Protein backbone atom coordinates (compact mmCIF):
# COMPACT_ATOMS: atom_id res chain seq x y z
CA LEU A 1 197.97 -82.34 159.26
CA PRO A 2 195.04 -80.22 158.02
CA VAL A 3 192.48 -79.73 160.79
CA THR A 4 188.71 -79.40 161.03
CA VAL A 5 187.67 -77.86 164.36
CA ALA A 6 184.28 -78.77 165.81
CA ALA A 7 183.40 -75.35 167.24
CA ASN A 8 180.31 -74.44 169.21
CA ALA A 9 178.87 -70.95 169.48
CA GLY A 10 179.62 -70.50 173.17
CA ALA A 11 183.28 -71.47 172.86
CA CYS A 12 183.84 -69.17 169.88
CA GLU A 13 182.36 -66.23 171.77
CA ARG A 14 184.26 -67.00 174.99
CA TYR A 15 187.70 -67.86 173.61
CA PRO A 16 188.63 -65.35 170.86
CA TYR A 17 192.31 -66.21 171.38
CA LEU A 18 191.71 -69.78 170.22
CA VAL A 19 189.65 -68.60 167.26
CA ARG A 20 192.54 -66.35 166.18
CA GLN A 21 195.04 -69.18 166.56
CA PHE A 22 192.89 -71.52 164.47
CA ARG A 23 192.46 -68.89 161.77
CA GLU A 24 196.21 -68.21 161.61
CA ARG A 25 196.82 -71.94 161.16
CA GLY A 26 194.24 -72.23 158.40
CA TYR A 27 191.98 -74.60 160.30
CA GLU A 28 188.48 -75.27 159.04
CA PHE A 29 185.59 -74.45 161.37
CA ALA A 30 182.67 -76.87 161.46
CA ALA A 31 179.56 -75.97 163.44
CA HIS A 32 179.22 -77.96 166.66
CA GLY A 33 175.97 -76.62 168.08
CA THR A 34 175.58 -73.87 170.67
CA PHE A 35 177.07 -75.27 173.90
CA ALA A 36 178.67 -78.55 174.98
CA THR A 37 175.74 -79.12 177.34
CA ARG A 38 173.08 -78.81 174.62
CA MET A 39 172.45 -81.30 171.86
CA LEU A 40 169.85 -81.55 169.14
CA SER A 41 167.13 -84.13 169.75
CA SER A 42 163.57 -85.05 168.87
CA GLN A 43 162.49 -83.37 172.11
CA MET A 44 162.91 -80.05 170.31
CA SER A 45 160.35 -78.49 168.01
CA GLU A 46 161.36 -77.76 164.44
CA THR A 47 161.44 -74.06 165.26
CA GLU A 48 163.73 -74.63 168.23
CA GLU A 49 166.07 -76.87 166.27
CA ARG A 50 166.23 -74.50 163.34
CA ALA A 51 167.04 -71.63 165.73
CA ALA A 52 169.82 -73.62 167.42
CA ILE A 53 171.43 -74.40 164.06
CA ALA A 54 171.22 -70.75 163.00
CA GLU A 55 172.68 -69.56 166.32
CA SER A 56 175.66 -71.87 165.91
CA LEU A 57 176.35 -70.87 162.31
CA ASP A 58 175.93 -67.14 162.98
CA ALA A 59 178.24 -67.15 166.02
CA ILE A 60 181.03 -68.95 164.20
CA GLU A 61 180.76 -66.64 161.21
CA ARG A 62 180.75 -63.60 163.49
CA THR A 63 183.86 -64.66 165.41
CA SER A 64 185.89 -66.44 162.73
CA GLY A 65 184.87 -64.44 159.67
CA THR A 66 183.87 -67.59 157.80
CA ARG A 67 180.48 -69.31 157.68
CA PRO A 68 180.83 -73.04 158.33
CA ARG A 69 180.22 -75.48 155.51
CA GLY A 70 179.73 -78.47 157.76
CA TRP A 71 178.08 -79.72 160.92
CA ILE A 72 179.44 -82.02 163.63
CA GLY A 73 176.64 -82.55 166.11
CA GLN A 74 177.23 -82.23 169.84
CA ASP A 75 177.34 -85.80 171.22
CA TYR A 76 176.16 -87.00 167.78
CA GLY A 77 172.74 -85.52 168.62
CA GLU A 78 170.14 -85.43 165.87
CA SER A 79 166.41 -85.61 165.40
CA THR A 80 164.66 -87.23 162.46
CA ILE A 81 164.57 -83.86 160.66
CA THR A 82 168.09 -82.61 161.42
CA PRO A 83 169.61 -83.51 158.01
CA ARG A 84 166.83 -81.63 156.23
CA LEU A 85 167.30 -78.57 158.44
CA LEU A 86 171.06 -78.62 157.98
CA ALA A 87 170.69 -78.79 154.20
CA GLN A 88 168.17 -75.95 154.23
CA ALA A 89 170.57 -73.88 156.34
CA GLY A 90 173.11 -74.07 153.52
CA LEU A 91 175.46 -76.65 154.99
CA ARG A 92 177.24 -79.02 152.62
CA TYR A 93 178.17 -81.88 154.90
CA VAL A 94 177.34 -83.53 158.22
CA ALA A 95 179.79 -85.67 160.20
CA ASP A 96 177.52 -87.46 162.67
CA TRP A 97 177.25 -90.91 161.11
CA GLY A 98 179.64 -93.81 161.50
CA ASN A 99 177.77 -96.36 159.38
CA ASP A 100 180.24 -96.22 156.47
CA ASP A 101 183.89 -95.44 155.88
CA GLN A 102 183.08 -93.69 152.60
CA PRO A 103 181.16 -90.42 152.18
CA TYR A 104 177.70 -90.58 150.64
CA LEU A 105 174.88 -88.20 149.80
CA LEU A 106 171.81 -88.03 152.01
CA ASN A 107 168.39 -87.76 150.45
CA THR A 108 167.85 -84.10 151.29
CA GLN A 109 167.19 -81.01 149.22
CA PRO A 110 169.73 -79.76 148.48
CA PRO A 111 171.85 -82.91 148.91
CA LEU A 112 173.87 -83.13 152.11
CA LEU A 113 177.06 -85.19 152.20
CA SER A 114 177.60 -87.60 155.09
CA ILE A 115 181.30 -87.73 155.99
CA PRO A 116 182.26 -90.64 158.27
CA ASN A 117 182.61 -89.89 161.97
CA GLN A 118 184.29 -92.99 163.32
CA ALA A 119 183.56 -92.81 167.04
CA GLU A 120 185.14 -96.20 167.73
CA TRP A 121 188.56 -94.55 168.13
CA ASP A 122 187.44 -91.11 169.27
CA ASP A 123 189.66 -90.33 172.27
CA VAL A 124 186.79 -89.23 174.52
CA GLN A 125 184.72 -92.29 173.65
CA MET A 126 187.62 -94.65 174.42
CA ILE A 127 189.63 -92.99 177.19
CA TRP A 128 187.01 -90.92 178.99
CA HIS A 129 183.80 -92.92 178.64
CA ARG A 130 185.08 -96.49 178.29
CA LYS A 131 188.10 -96.00 180.58
CA VAL A 132 190.51 -97.55 178.08
CA ARG A 133 194.20 -96.92 178.70
CA ALA A 134 195.77 -94.30 176.45
CA ASP A 135 198.31 -96.75 175.04
CA ILE A 136 195.46 -99.02 173.95
CA TRP A 137 193.80 -95.98 172.34
CA ARG A 138 197.05 -95.37 170.42
CA ASP A 139 197.24 -98.97 169.25
CA THR A 140 193.57 -98.97 168.23
CA VAL A 141 193.96 -95.77 166.20
CA LEU A 142 197.03 -97.06 164.39
CA GLU A 143 195.46 -100.45 163.69
CA ALA A 144 192.35 -98.77 162.29
CA PHE A 145 194.47 -96.46 160.16
CA ALA A 146 196.56 -99.34 158.83
CA ARG A 147 193.45 -101.29 157.81
CA LEU A 148 191.75 -98.33 156.13
CA HIS A 149 195.01 -97.25 154.50
CA ALA A 150 195.28 -100.70 152.92
CA ASP A 151 191.63 -100.62 151.83
CA GLY A 152 192.15 -97.14 150.40
CA ALA A 153 194.67 -98.44 147.89
CA THR A 154 191.80 -99.50 145.64
CA SER A 155 188.83 -97.56 147.03
CA GLY A 156 188.51 -94.05 148.43
CA ILE A 157 188.31 -94.44 152.22
CA VAL A 158 188.03 -91.80 154.94
CA PHE A 159 190.00 -92.07 158.17
CA GLY A 160 189.24 -89.42 160.77
CA LEU A 161 191.47 -88.75 163.76
CA HIS A 162 189.07 -87.35 166.36
CA ILE A 163 190.91 -85.79 169.28
CA HIS A 164 190.17 -83.44 172.17
CA PRO A 165 193.24 -81.43 173.28
CA TRP A 166 192.10 -81.32 176.91
CA LEU A 167 192.31 -85.12 176.96
CA THR A 168 195.03 -86.48 174.67
CA GLY A 169 196.93 -83.21 174.96
CA ALA A 170 197.54 -83.79 178.67
CA PRO A 171 201.23 -84.12 179.63
CA HIS A 172 201.01 -87.85 180.35
CA ARG A 173 199.25 -88.62 177.04
CA ILE A 174 200.66 -86.20 174.50
CA ALA A 175 203.64 -88.44 173.60
CA LEU A 176 201.16 -91.09 172.47
CA LEU A 177 199.27 -88.51 170.40
CA GLU A 178 202.51 -87.36 168.79
CA GLU A 179 203.34 -90.96 167.91
CA VAL A 180 199.95 -91.37 166.24
CA VAL A 181 200.25 -88.11 164.29
CA ASP A 182 203.82 -88.85 163.17
CA LYS A 183 202.91 -92.28 161.79
CA ILE A 184 199.82 -91.02 159.99
CA ALA A 185 201.70 -88.05 158.55
CA ALA A 186 204.46 -90.32 157.25
CA ALA A 187 202.15 -92.78 155.50
CA PRO A 188 202.38 -92.69 151.68
CA GLY A 189 199.47 -92.31 149.29
CA VAL A 190 197.21 -90.41 151.69
CA TRP A 191 195.20 -87.29 150.89
CA ARG A 192 195.60 -85.35 154.14
CA THR A 193 192.71 -82.93 154.10
CA THR A 194 189.73 -81.44 155.91
CA ALA A 195 186.12 -82.54 155.98
CA GLY A 196 185.21 -79.46 153.96
CA ALA A 197 187.70 -80.31 151.23
CA ILE A 198 186.18 -83.79 150.94
CA ALA A 199 182.74 -82.26 150.56
CA GLU A 200 184.03 -79.85 147.94
CA TYR A 201 185.67 -82.64 145.97
CA VAL A 202 182.51 -84.73 145.89
CA THR A 203 180.45 -81.69 144.90
CA ILE A 204 182.76 -80.83 142.02
CA ASN A 205 182.95 -84.46 140.86
CA PRO A 206 179.39 -85.74 141.37
CA ALA A 207 179.69 -88.44 138.71
CA GLU A 208 182.67 -90.09 140.36
CA ARG A 209 182.16 -93.11 142.54
CA PRO A 210 183.55 -93.26 146.10
CA ASP A 211 186.33 -95.53 144.87
CA SER A 212 187.55 -92.67 142.68
CA LEU A 213 188.20 -90.36 145.62
CA PRO A 214 191.83 -89.34 146.18
CA GLY A 215 193.67 -91.42 148.76
């Protein structure tokens, strides 16, 4: 499956091996802030927030060779001005909002596309924070996919599989992850793509409604 990696500045600088592996596999890099312990919030000044965004984008470009087109906020952190700052920084999409299963344009200048981030079946949210068993996580993911796959037959719907290798990649969970990936990969009529490709499609086809999106 095509992959979008939520990469923060610190991880890219510290783990060049992983950056090389992701590049060789053709993964897309989306900016994920500076460090896992730092999130954007309204406690920051505009200058501080703008600097944090720039630090993240610059570090990923420096280490991966590609400037990110999208933003996935650390812990979904945002302030009231974050979308505006992201748009002004040249980003094309943000994946922090779970209020819709279809992408939509935010009222920023230039326009910023919101791509669904469905935290309800994020592995960390379910297994780590809510202490749900991994087999229940698997069943939840597949039930969500089945429902959205059916809805997507007549209307463009986004399903995101949000995983953290340190969690679902553990030896006692990876068989469940493989089961999830195999079933999603085998499903017919699905556009398997990255967040950036979705943003590019919507940008190129601005007149099309969400129900005209592929898959």
